[in-house]
PDB file of N, CA and C in Angstrom:
ATOM      1  N   MET A   1     -43.812  30.994  51.007  1.00  0.00           N
ATOM      2  CA  MET A   1     -43.291  32.172  50.361  1.00  0.00           C
ATOM      3  C   MET A   1     -43.477  32.091  48.852  1.00  0.00           C
ATOM      4  N   LYS A   2     -43.200  30.917  48.269  1.00  0.00           N
ATOM      5  CA  LYS A   2     -43.350  30.759  46.828  1.00  0.00           C
ATOM      6  C   LYS A   2     -44.789  31.009  46.398  1.00  0.00           C
ATOM      7  N   HIS A   3     -45.735  30.566  47.220  1.00  0.00           N
ATOM      8  CA  HIS A   3     -47.145  30.746  46.896  1.00  0.00           C
ATOM      9  C   HIS A   3     -47.526  32.223  46.895  1.00  0.00           C
ATOM     10  N   THR A   4     -46.956  32.981  47.817  1.00  0.00           N
ATOM     11  CA  THR A   4     -47.238  34.414  47.899  1.00  0.00           C
ATOM     12  C   THR A   4     -46.715  35.139  46.665  1.00  0.00           C
ATOM     13  N   VAL A   5     -45.508  34.814  46.248  1.00  0.00           N
ATOM     14  CA  VAL A   5     -44.913  35.437  45.063  1.00  0.00           C
ATOM     15  C   VAL A   5     -45.713  35.066  43.822  1.00  0.00           C
ATOM     16  N   LEU A   6     -46.072  33.800  43.705  1.00  0.00           N
ATOM     17  CA  LEU A   6     -46.857  33.347  42.563  1.00  0.00           C
ATOM     18  C   LEU A   6     -48.220  34.033  42.529  1.00  0.00           C
ATOM     19  N   ALA A   7     -48.865  34.150  43.663  1.00  0.00           N
ATOM     20  CA  ALA A   7     -50.166  34.816  43.731  1.00  0.00           C
ATOM     21  C   ALA A   7     -50.043  36.288  43.348  1.00  0.00           C
ATOM     22  N   ALA A   8     -48.998  36.959  43.811  1.00  0.00           N
ATOM     23  CA  ALA A   8     -48.791  38.367  43.467  1.00  0.00           C
ATOM     24  C   ALA A   8     -48.558  38.538  41.975  1.00  0.00           C
ATOM     25  N   ALA A   9     -47.782  37.657  41.382  1.00  0.00           N
ATOM     26  CA  ALA A   9     -47.516  37.723  39.941  1.00  0.00           C
ATOM     27  C   ALA A   9     -48.807  37.504  39.150  1.00  0.00           C
ATOM     28  N   LEU A  10     -49.621  36.568  39.586  1.00  0.00           N
ATOM     29  CA  LEU A  10     -50.884  36.289  38.909  1.00  0.00           C
ATOM     30  C   LEU A  10     -51.822  37.487  38.984  1.00  0.00           C
ATOM     31  N   VAL A  11     -51.902  38.115  40.126  1.00  0.00           N
ATOM     32  CA  VAL A  11     -52.738  39.306  40.285  1.00  0.00           C
ATOM     33  C   VAL A  11     -52.248  40.418  39.369  1.00  0.00           C
ATOM     34  N   ALA A  12     -50.941  40.634  39.303  1.00  0.00           N
ATOM     35  CA  ALA A  12     -50.374  41.688  38.455  1.00  0.00           C
ATOM     36  C   ALA A  12     -50.686  41.435  36.988  1.00  0.00           C
ATOM     37  N   LEU A  13     -50.514  40.214  36.527  1.00  0.00           N
ATOM     38  CA  LEU A  13     -50.802  39.895  35.128  1.00  0.00           C
ATOM     39  C   LEU A  13     -52.285  40.036  34.820  1.00  0.00           C
ATOM     40  N   THR A  14     -53.125  39.618  35.733  1.00  0.00           N
ATOM     41  CA  THR A  14     -54.564  39.741  35.551  1.00  0.00           C
ATOM     42  C   THR A  14     -54.976  41.202  35.480  1.00  0.00           C
ATOM     43  N   SER A  15     -54.354  42.054  36.279  1.00  0.00           N
ATOM     44  CA  SER A  15     -54.675  43.473  36.278  1.00  0.00           C
ATOM     45  C   SER A  15     -54.349  44.111  34.940  1.00  0.00           C
ATOM     46  N   VAL A  16     -53.198  43.795  34.387  1.00  0.00           N
ATOM     47  CA  VAL A  16     -52.818  44.343  33.079  1.00  0.00           C
ATOM     48  C   VAL A  16     -53.771  43.838  32.019  1.00  0.00           C
ATOM     49  N   ALA A  17     -54.086  42.559  32.044  1.00  0.00           N
ATOM     50  CA  ALA A  17     -55.001  42.003  31.056  1.00  0.00           C
ATOM     51  C   ALA A  17     -56.378  42.632  31.174  1.00  0.00           C
ATOM     52  N   ALA A  18     -56.829  42.889  32.384  1.00  0.00           N
ATOM     53  CA  ALA A  18     -58.151  43.485  32.574  1.00  0.00           C
ATOM     54  C   ALA A  18     -58.200  44.898  32.014  1.00  0.00           C
ATOM     55  N   LEU A  19     -57.109  45.644  32.139  1.00  0.00           N
ATOM     56  CA  LEU A  19     -57.090  47.005  31.611  1.00  0.00           C
ATOM     57  C   LEU A  19     -57.115  47.015  30.094  1.00  0.00           C
ATOM     58  N   ALA A  20     -56.568  45.986  29.474  1.00  0.00           N
ATOM     59  CA  ALA A  20     -56.406  45.987  28.022  1.00  0.00           C
ATOM     60  C   ALA A  20     -57.378  45.049  27.309  1.00  0.00           C
ATOM     61  N   THR A  21     -58.505  44.733  27.919  1.00  0.00           N
ATOM     62  CA  THR A  21     -59.397  43.725  27.350  1.00  0.00           C
ATOM     63  C   THR A  21     -59.994  44.118  26.003  1.00  0.00           C
ATOM     64  N   ASP A  22     -60.185  45.406  25.725  1.00  0.00           N
ATOM     65  CA  ASP A  22     -60.791  45.820  24.469  1.00  0.00           C
ATOM     66  C   ASP A  22     -59.760  46.107  23.382  1.00  0.00           C
ATOM     67  N   ILE A  23     -58.509  45.830  23.660  1.00  0.00           N
ATOM     68  CA  ILE A  23     -57.445  46.163  22.727  1.00  0.00           C
ATOM     69  C   ILE A  23     -56.856  44.878  22.172  1.00  0.00           C
ATOM     70  N   ALA A  24     -56.829  44.772  20.860  1.00  0.00           N
ATOM     71  CA  ALA A  24     -56.273  43.588  20.222  1.00  0.00           C
ATOM     72  C   ALA A  24     -54.850  43.862  19.762  1.00  0.00           C
ATOM     73  N   ASP A  25     -53.935  43.023  20.167  1.00  0.00           N
ATOM     74  CA  ASP A  25     -52.564  43.078  19.671  1.00  0.00           C
ATOM     75  C   ASP A  25     -52.560  42.310  18.357  1.00  0.00           C
ATOM     76  N   THR A  26     -53.005  42.971  17.307  1.00  0.00           N
ATOM     77  CA  THR A  26     -53.276  42.291  16.039  1.00  0.00           C
ATOM     78  C   THR A  26     -52.047  41.675  15.387  1.00  0.00           C
ATOM     79  N   ASP A  27     -50.872  42.229  15.629  1.00  0.00           N
ATOM     80  CA  ASP A  27     -49.671  41.644  15.048  1.00  0.00           C
ATOM     81  C   ASP A  27     -48.956  40.701  16.024  1.00  0.00           C
ATOM     82  N   ALA A  28     -49.540  40.507  17.194  1.00  0.00           N
ATOM     83  CA  ALA A  28     -49.050  39.559  18.204  1.00  0.00           C
ATOM     84  C   ALA A  28     -47.577  39.772  18.558  1.00  0.00           C
ATOM     85  N   ASN A  29     -47.154  41.039  18.622  1.00  0.00           N
ATOM     86  CA  ASN A  29     -45.759  41.312  18.977  1.00  0.00           C
ATOM     87  C   ASN A  29     -45.588  41.635  20.459  1.00  0.00           C
ATOM     88  N   GLY A  30     -46.688  41.614  21.219  1.00  0.00           N
ATOM     89  CA  GLY A  30     -46.603  41.837  22.658  1.00  0.00           C
ATOM     90  C   GLY A  30     -46.668  43.292  23.072  1.00  0.00           C
ATOM     91  N   THR A  31     -46.807  44.203  22.107  1.00  0.00           N
ATOM     92  CA  THR A  31     -46.950  45.625  22.396  1.00  0.00           C
ATOM     93  C   THR A  31     -48.125  46.167  21.598  1.00  0.00           C
ATOM     94  N   PHE A  32     -48.489  47.428  21.876  1.00  0.00           N
ATOM     95  CA  PHE A  32     -49.632  48.036  21.219  1.00  0.00           C
ATOM     96  C   PHE A  32     -49.194  49.234  20.389  1.00  0.00           C
ATOM     97  N   SER A  33     -49.520  49.208  19.101  1.00  0.00           N
ATOM     98  CA  SER A  33     -49.227  50.328  18.212  1.00  0.00           C
ATOM     99  C   SER A  33     -50.342  51.361  18.324  1.00  0.00           C
ATOM    100  N   ILE A  34     -50.109  52.526  17.770  1.00  0.00           N
ATOM    101  CA  ILE A  34     -51.147  53.550  17.791  1.00  0.00           C
ATOM    102  C   ILE A  34     -52.366  53.081  16.996  1.00  0.00           C
ATOM    103  N   GLU A  35     -52.138  52.337  15.923  1.00  0.00           N
ATOM    104  CA  GLU A  35     -53.257  51.830  15.127  1.00  0.00           C
ATOM    105  C   GLU A  35     -54.109  50.852  15.933  1.00  0.00           C
ATOM    106  N   GLU A  36     -53.452  49.969  16.686  1.00  0.00           N
ATOM    107  CA  GLU A  36     -54.185  49.014  17.518  1.00  0.00           C
ATOM    108  C   GLU A  36     -54.980  49.738  18.597  1.00  0.00           C
ATOM    109  N   LEU A  37     -54.384  50.755  19.185  1.00  0.00           N
ATOM    110  CA  LEU A  37     -55.084  51.500  20.232  1.00  0.00           C
ATOM    111  C   LEU A  37     -56.215  52.346  19.656  1.00  0.00           C
ATOM    112  N   LYS A  38     -56.009  52.936  18.479  1.00  0.00           N
ATOM    113  CA  LYS A  38     -57.075  53.745  17.873  1.00  0.00           C
ATOM    114  C   LYS A  38     -58.262  52.883  17.458  1.00  0.00           C
ATOM    115  N   ALA A  39     -58.033  51.616  17.171  1.00  0.00           N
ATOM    116  CA  ALA A  39     -59.149  50.712  16.870  1.00  0.00           C
ATOM    117  C   ALA A  39     -60.050  50.559  18.098  1.00  0.00           C
ATOM    118  N   ALA A  40     -59.438  50.573  19.285  1.00  0.00           N
ATOM    119  CA  ALA A  40     -60.205  50.454  20.530  1.00  0.00           C
ATOM    120  C   ALA A  40     -60.676  51.808  21.044  1.00  0.00           C
ATOM    121  N   PHE A  41     -59.866  52.852  20.790  1.00  0.00           N
ATOM    122  CA  PHE A  41     -60.153  54.198  21.288  1.00  0.00           C
ATOM    123  C   PHE A  41     -60.021  55.196  20.132  1.00  0.00           C
ATOM    124  N   PRO A  42     -61.046  55.337  19.303  1.00  0.00           N
ATOM    125  CA  PRO A  42     -60.956  56.190  18.112  1.00  0.00           C
ATOM    126  C   PRO A  42     -60.585  57.641  18.396  1.00  0.00           C
ATOM    127  N   ASP A  43     -60.852  58.132  19.580  1.00  0.00           N
ATOM    128  CA  ASP A  43     -60.541  59.531  19.912  1.00  0.00           C
ATOM    129  C   ASP A  43     -59.115  59.719  20.432  1.00  0.00           C
ATOM    130  N   LEU A  44     -58.325  58.659  20.506  1.00  0.00           N
ATOM    131  CA  LEU A  44     -56.951  58.760  20.984  1.00  0.00           C
ATOM    132  C   LEU A  44     -56.142  59.670  20.060  1.00  0.00           C
ATOM    133  N   THR A  45     -55.450  60.617  20.645  1.00  0.00           N
ATOM    134  CA  THR A  45     -54.640  61.543  19.849  1.00  0.00           C
ATOM    135  C   THR A  45     -53.193  61.055  19.775  1.00  0.00           C
ATOM    136  N   ASP A  46     -52.499  61.542  18.758  1.00  0.00           N
ATOM    137  CA  ASP A  46     -51.080  61.214  18.630  1.00  0.00           C
ATOM    138  C   ASP A  46     -50.307  61.716  19.847  1.00  0.00           C
ATOM    139  N   ASP A  47     -50.672  62.891  20.334  1.00  0.00           N
ATOM    140  CA  ASP A  47     -49.985  63.452  21.500  1.00  0.00           C
ATOM    141  C   ASP A  47     -50.175  62.592  22.748  1.00  0.00           C
ATOM    142  N   ALA A  48     -51.382  62.071  22.948  1.00  0.00           N
ATOM    143  CA  ALA A  48     -51.637  61.209  24.107  1.00  0.00           C
ATOM    144  C   ALA A  48     -50.832  59.913  23.986  1.00  0.00           C
ATOM    145  N   PHE A  49     -50.765  59.369  22.776  1.00  0.00           N
ATOM    146  CA  PHE A  49     -49.980  58.154  22.564  1.00  0.00           C
ATOM    147  C   PHE A  49     -48.504  58.420  22.846  1.00  0.00           C
ATOM    148  N   LYS A  50     -47.984  59.519  22.307  1.00  0.00           N
ATOM    149  CA  LYS A  50     -46.571  59.854  22.515  1.00  0.00           C
ATOM    150  C   LYS A  50     -46.262  60.081  23.994  1.00  0.00           C
ATOM    151  N   ALA A  51     -47.182  60.684  24.718  1.00  0.00           N
ATOM    152  CA  ALA A  51     -46.988  60.895  26.150  1.00  0.00           C
ATOM    153  C   ALA A  51     -46.938  59.566  26.902  1.00  0.00           C
ATOM    154  N   ALA A  52     -47.731  58.603  26.464  1.00  0.00           N
ATOM    155  CA  ALA A  52     -47.766  57.289  27.117  1.00  0.00           C
ATOM    156  C   ALA A  52     -46.555  56.441  26.750  1.00  0.00           C
ATOM    157  N   ASP A  53     -45.966  56.704  25.588  1.00  0.00           N
ATOM    158  CA  ASP A  53     -44.826  55.925  25.085  1.00  0.00           C
ATOM    159  C   ASP A  53     -43.536  56.442  25.725  1.00  0.00           C
ATOM    160  N   THR A  54     -43.343  56.100  26.985  1.00  0.00           N
ATOM    161  CA  THR A  54     -42.260  56.686  27.772  1.00  0.00           C
ATOM    162  C   THR A  54     -40.869  56.305  27.279  1.00  0.00           C
ATOM    163  N   ASP A  55     -40.725  55.176  26.585  1.00  0.00           N
ATOM    164  CA  ASP A  55     -39.410  54.819  26.055  1.00  0.00           C
ATOM    165  C   ASP A  55     -39.250  55.222  24.584  1.00  0.00           C
ATOM    166  N   ALA A  56     -40.263  55.881  24.037  1.00  0.00           N
ATOM    167  CA  ALA A  56     -40.228  56.441  22.674  1.00  0.00           C
ATOM    168  C   ALA A  56     -39.856  55.414  21.605  1.00  0.00           C
ATOM    169  N   ASP A  57     -40.377  54.190  21.753  1.00  0.00           N
ATOM    170  CA  ASP A  57     -40.094  53.179  20.738  1.00  0.00           C
ATOM    171  C   ASP A  57     -41.219  53.028  19.716  1.00  0.00           C
ATOM    172  N   GLY A  58     -42.261  53.866  19.842  1.00  0.00           N
ATOM    173  CA  GLY A  58     -43.361  53.814  18.886  1.00  0.00           C
ATOM    174  C   GLY A  58     -44.408  52.756  19.193  1.00  0.00           C
ATOM    175  N   GLN A  59     -44.262  52.076  20.309  1.00  0.00           N
ATOM    176  CA  GLN A  59     -45.193  51.041  20.757  1.00  0.00           C
ATOM    177  C   GLN A  59     -45.427  51.238  22.246  1.00  0.00           C
ATOM    178  N   LEU A  60     -46.581  50.791  22.743  1.00  0.00           N
ATOM    179  CA  LEU A  60     -46.815  50.810  24.181  1.00  0.00           C
ATOM    180  C   LEU A  60     -46.696  49.392  24.719  1.00  0.00           C
ATOM    181  N   SER A  61     -45.865  49.241  25.715  1.00  0.00           N
ATOM    182  CA  SER A  61     -45.790  47.962  26.420  1.00  0.00           C
ATOM    183  C   SER A  61     -47.024  47.855  27.311  1.00  0.00           C
ATOM    184  N   ALA A  62     -47.239  46.692  27.876  1.00  0.00           N
ATOM    185  CA  ALA A  62     -48.357  46.512  28.810  1.00  0.00           C
ATOM    186  C   ALA A  62     -48.213  47.457  29.997  1.00  0.00           C
ATOM    187  N   ASP A  63     -46.982  47.651  30.464  1.00  0.00           N
ATOM    188  CA  ASP A  63     -46.750  48.547  31.598  1.00  0.00           C
ATOM    189  C   ASP A  63     -47.039  50.000  31.230  1.00  0.00           C
ATOM    190  N   GLU A  64     -46.620  50.415  30.031  1.00  0.00           N
ATOM    191  CA  GLU A  64     -46.893  51.793  29.595  1.00  0.00           C
ATOM    192  C   GLU A  64     -48.395  52.012  29.431  1.00  0.00           C
ATOM    193  N   LEU A  65     -49.076  51.013  28.865  1.00  0.00           N
ATOM    194  CA  LEU A  65     -50.525  51.116  28.691  1.00  0.00           C
ATOM    195  C   LEU A  65     -51.223  51.198  30.045  1.00  0.00           C
ATOM    196  N   LYS A  66     -50.820  50.348  30.962  1.00  0.00           N
ATOM    197  CA  LYS A  66     -51.425  50.351  32.298  1.00  0.00           C
ATOM    198  C   LYS A  66     -51.224  51.705  32.970  1.00  0.00           C
ATOM    199  N   ALA A  67     -50.012  52.240  32.907  1.00  0.00           N
ATOM    200  CA  ALA A  67     -49.717  53.536  33.528  1.00  0.00           C
ATOM    201  C   ALA A  67     -50.550  54.647  32.889  1.00  0.00           C
ATOM    202  N   ALA A  68     -50.684  54.618  31.567  1.00  0.00           N
ATOM    203  CA  ALA A  68     -51.473  55.642  30.871  1.00  0.00           C
ATOM    204  C   ALA A  68     -52.948  55.542  31.228  1.00  0.00           C
ATOM    205  N   GLN A  69     -53.445  54.320  31.382  1.00  0.00           N
ATOM    206  CA  GLN A  69     -54.844  54.145  31.764  1.00  0.00           C
ATOM    207  C   GLN A  69     -55.067  54.586  33.205  1.00  0.00           C
ATOM    208  N   GLU A  70     -54.136  54.267  34.067  1.00  0.00           N
ATOM    209  CA  GLU A  70     -54.266  54.692  35.467  1.00  0.00           C
ATOM    210  C   GLU A  70     -54.167  56.202  35.593  1.00  0.00           C
ATOM    211  N   ALA A  71     -53.387  56.839  34.723  1.00  0.00           N
ATOM    212  CA  ALA A  71     -53.246  58.300  34.739  1.00  0.00           C
ATOM    213  C   ALA A  71     -54.404  59.008  34.023  1.00  0.00           C
ATOM    214  N   GLY A  72     -55.212  58.238  33.291  1.00  0.00           N
ATOM    215  CA  GLY A  72     -56.337  58.827  32.573  1.00  0.00           C
ATOM    216  C   GLY A  72     -55.966  59.355  31.197  1.00  0.00           C
ATOM    217  N   THR A  73     -54.739  59.092  30.741  1.00  0.00           N
ATOM    218  CA  THR A  73     -54.313  59.522  29.412  1.00  0.00           C
ATOM    219  C   THR A  73     -54.998  58.721  28.323  1.00  0.00           C
ATOM    220  N   ILE A  74     -55.194  57.431  28.606  1.00  0.00           N
ATOM    221  CA  ILE A  74     -55.883  56.509  27.706  1.00  0.00           C
ATOM    222  C   ILE A  74     -57.025  55.879  28.506  1.00  0.00           C
ATOM    223  N   PRO A  75     -58.216  55.786  27.923  1.00  0.00           N
ATOM    224  CA  PRO A  75     -59.343  55.217  28.670  1.00  0.00           C
ATOM    225  C   PRO A  75     -59.059  53.791  29.148  1.00  0.00           C
ATOM    226  N   ALA A  76     -59.624  53.462  30.288  1.00  0.00           N
ATOM    227  CA  ALA A  76     -59.473  52.104  30.836  1.00  0.00           C
ATOM    228  C   ALA A  76     -60.605  51.222  30.366  1.00  0.00           C
TER     229      ALA A  76
END
């Protein structure tokens, strides 16, 4: 059972990392600012970023970024 949980966690982390491979967390705070995302996606609009920022903290968590990429709001 422990191996199954560990394998699932590894797959989940790898999936998030794979979606965000072109994005640098330049300030190493564990989230992505609009500036960091615009460096990877120059056409990203403020409205698209705000829509992806579901907790309205001004940063995208890995989960918010993954959801936005899966929804097509932000390129994968």
